[in-house]
Amino acid sequence: CFNNRLTEIDLSANSALEMVDCSGNQLSGLDISANAQLMHLLAYNNRLTTLDISQNPLLSRIWAFGNPLSETETEIIVSNLRSAAGVDLWLTEESLL
């Protein structure tokens, strides 16, 4: 669903997804709670203000830069990671975490 000007997407029926690339859209929300097998999430350049990854223990790549995520929200995302070691995490355009 990359670069399609989507304002919403429902991934709940796709519980076996391992990768999602919904970058370059106009998403203000993204519910990935039903996608426990998700390993790679590319959601950069949207309108996301929150990103709940608490139900996604296998994530090893999260690219969410270009969204209006607050510093607090960024800290919540990092704290929800089971282990930051080996995770490709890019939340802001200024820095690659």
C-alpha atoms as a PDB file:
ATOM      1  CA  CYS A   1       0.000   0.000   0.000  1.00  0.00           C
ATOM      2  CA  PHE A   2       3.048   2.237  -0.452  1.00  0.00           C
ATOM      3  CA  ASN A   3       2.426   5.796  -1.672  1.00  0.00           C
ATOM      4  CA  ASN A   4      -1.319   5.608  -2.397  1.00  0.00           C
ATOM      5  CA  ARG A   5      -2.721   8.573  -0.430  1.00  0.00           C
ATOM      6  CA  LEU A   6      -4.598   6.197   1.863  1.00  0.00           C
ATOM      7  CA  THR A   7      -6.244   7.773   4.904  1.00  0.00           C
ATOM      8  CA  GLU A   8      -7.042   4.449   6.575  1.00  0.00           C
ATOM      9  CA  ILE A   9      -6.208   0.768   6.281  1.00  0.00           C
ATOM     10  CA  ASP A  10      -7.556  -2.306   8.058  1.00  0.00           C
ATOM     11  CA  LEU A  11      -4.924  -4.999   8.608  1.00  0.00           C
ATOM     12  CA  SER A  12      -6.852  -6.914  11.275  1.00  0.00           C
ATOM     13  CA  ALA A  13      -7.842  -9.834   9.004  1.00  0.00           C
ATOM     14  CA  ASN A  14      -4.220 -10.426   8.024  1.00  0.00           C
ATOM     15  CA  SER A  15      -2.777 -11.901  11.204  1.00  0.00           C
ATOM     16  CA  ALA A  16       0.062 -13.723   9.413  1.00  0.00           C
ATOM     17  CA  LEU A  17       1.600 -10.590   7.884  1.00  0.00           C
ATOM     18  CA  GLU A  18       5.358 -10.411   8.371  1.00  0.00           C
ATOM     19  CA  MET A  19       5.933  -7.098   6.569  1.00  0.00           C
ATOM     20  CA  VAL A  20       3.865  -3.971   6.020  1.00  0.00           C
ATOM     21  CA  ASP A  21       4.948  -1.011   3.926  1.00  0.00           C
ATOM     22  CA  CYS A  22       2.297   1.674   4.170  1.00  0.00           C
ATOM     23  CA  SER A  23       4.726   4.565   3.736  1.00  0.00           C
ATOM     24  CA  GLY A  24       3.911   7.725   1.828  1.00  0.00           C
ATOM     25  CA  ASN A  25       0.208   7.827   2.624  1.00  0.00           C
ATOM     26  CA  GLN A  26      -1.972  10.064   4.795  1.00  0.00           C
ATOM     27  CA  LEU A  27      -2.618   7.616   7.622  1.00  0.00           C
ATOM     28  CA  SER A  28      -3.406   9.241  10.961  1.00  0.00           C
ATOM     29  CA  GLY A  29      -3.781   5.879  12.708  1.00  0.00           C
ATOM     30  CA  LEU A  30      -2.429   2.378  12.216  1.00  0.00           C
ATOM     31  CA  ASP A  31      -3.738  -0.583  14.208  1.00  0.00           C
ATOM     32  CA  ILE A  32      -1.279  -3.487  14.035  1.00  0.00           C
ATOM     33  CA  SER A  33      -2.417  -5.166  17.257  1.00  0.00           C
ATOM     34  CA  ALA A  34      -3.748  -8.221  15.364  1.00  0.00           C
ATOM     35  CA  ASN A  35      -0.464  -8.706  13.491  1.00  0.00           C
ATOM     36  CA  ALA A  36       1.662 -10.579  16.046  1.00  0.00           C
ATOM     37  CA  GLN A  37       3.868 -12.097  13.310  1.00  0.00           C
ATOM     38  CA  LEU A  38       4.900  -8.686  12.006  1.00  0.00           C
ATOM     39  CA  MET A  39       8.684  -8.316  11.689  1.00  0.00           C
ATOM     40  CA  HIS A  40       9.070  -5.272   9.417  1.00  0.00           C
ATOM     41  CA  LEU A  41       6.953  -2.118   9.626  1.00  0.00           C
ATOM     42  CA  LEU A  42       7.592   0.736   7.231  1.00  0.00           C
ATOM     43  CA  ALA A  43       5.156   3.537   8.013  1.00  0.00           C
ATOM     44  CA  TYR A  44       7.210   6.638   7.294  1.00  0.00           C
ATOM     45  CA  ASN A  45       5.834   9.856   5.785  1.00  0.00           C
ATOM     46  CA  ASN A  46       2.282   9.596   7.078  1.00  0.00           C
ATOM     47  CA  ARG A  47       0.328  11.542   9.720  1.00  0.00           C
ATOM     48  CA  LEU A  48       0.757   9.125  12.620  1.00  0.00           C
ATOM     49  CA  THR A  49       0.777  10.674  16.082  1.00  0.00           C
ATOM     50  CA  THR A  50       0.859   7.317  17.899  1.00  0.00           C
ATOM     51  CA  LEU A  51       2.177   3.876  17.084  1.00  0.00           C
ATOM     52  CA  ASP A  52       1.339   1.023  19.444  1.00  0.00           C
ATOM     53  CA  ILE A  53       3.738  -1.896  18.968  1.00  0.00           C
ATOM     54  CA  SER A  54       2.996  -3.584  22.297  1.00  0.00           C
ATOM     55  CA  GLN A  55       1.397  -6.607  20.560  1.00  0.00           C
ATOM     56  CA  ASN A  56       4.225  -7.060  18.047  1.00  0.00           C
ATOM     57  CA  PRO A  57       7.099  -8.861  19.804  1.00  0.00           C
ATOM     58  CA  LEU A  58       8.848  -9.954  16.584  1.00  0.00           C
ATOM     59  CA  LEU A  59       9.432  -6.480  15.132  1.00  0.00           C
ATOM     60  CA  SER A  60      13.011  -6.072  14.008  1.00  0.00           C
ATOM     61  CA  ARG A  61      12.553  -3.080  11.673  1.00  0.00           C
ATOM     62  CA  ILE A  62      10.451  -0.002  12.349  1.00  0.00           C
ATOM     63  CA  TRP A  63      10.746   2.990  10.056  1.00  0.00           C
ATOM     64  CA  ALA A  64       8.312   5.692  11.143  1.00  0.00           C
ATOM     65  CA  PHE A  65      10.144   8.931  10.424  1.00  0.00           C
ATOM     66  CA  GLY A  66       8.244  11.762   8.738  1.00  0.00           C
ATOM     67  CA  ASN A  67       5.304  11.438  11.141  1.00  0.00           C
ATOM     68  CA  PRO A  68       4.342  13.944  13.843  1.00  0.00           C
ATOM     69  CA  LEU A  69       5.384  11.586  16.657  1.00  0.00           C
ATOM     70  CA  SER A  70       6.131  13.440  19.870  1.00  0.00           C
ATOM     71  CA  GLU A  71       9.240  12.783  21.919  1.00  0.00           C
ATOM     72  CA  THR A  72       7.025  11.075  24.510  1.00  0.00           C
ATOM     73  CA  GLU A  73       5.493   8.811  21.876  1.00  0.00           C
ATOM     74  CA  THR A  74       8.960   7.937  20.584  1.00  0.00           C
ATOM     75  CA  GLU A  75       9.991   6.957  24.122  1.00  0.00           C
ATOM     76  CA  ILE A  76       6.877   4.761  24.454  1.00  0.00           C
ATOM     77  CA  ILE A  77       7.696   2.984  21.184  1.00  0.00           C
ATOM     78  CA  VAL A  78      11.251   2.313  22.317  1.00  0.00           C
ATOM     79  CA  SER A  79      10.091   1.084  25.736  1.00  0.00           C
ATOM     80  CA  ASN A  80       7.659  -1.371  24.097  1.00  0.00           C
ATOM     81  CA  LEU A  81      10.439  -3.109  22.221  1.00  0.00           C
ATOM     82  CA  ARG A  82      11.328  -6.412  23.857  1.00  0.00           C
ATOM     83  CA  SER A  83      14.995  -5.783  23.124  1.00  0.00           C
ATOM     84  CA  ALA A  84      16.413  -2.825  21.254  1.00  0.00           C
ATOM     85  CA  ALA A  85      19.498  -4.837  20.295  1.00  0.00           C
ATOM     86  CA  GLY A  86      19.401  -5.673  16.618  1.00  0.00           C
ATOM     87  CA  VAL A  87      16.291  -3.603  15.894  1.00  0.00           C
ATOM     88  CA  ASP A  88      16.447  -1.301  12.882  1.00  0.00           C
ATOM     89  CA  LEU A  89      14.604   1.653  14.417  1.00  0.00           C
ATOM     90  CA  TRP A  90      14.214   4.968  12.567  1.00  0.00           C
ATOM     91  CA  LEU A  91      11.671   7.274  14.183  1.00  0.00           C
ATOM     92  CA  THR A  92      12.869  10.775  13.312  1.00  0.00           C
ATOM     93  CA  GLU A  93      14.466  12.294  10.262  1.00  0.00           C
ATOM     94  CA  GLU A  94      17.178  13.820  12.449  1.00  0.00           C
ATOM     95  CA  SER A  95      18.505  10.581  13.857  1.00  0.00           C
ATOM     96  CA  LEU A  96      18.651   6.905  13.243  1.00  0.00           C
ATOM     97  CA  LEU A  97      18.146   5.155  16.583  1.00  0.00           C
END
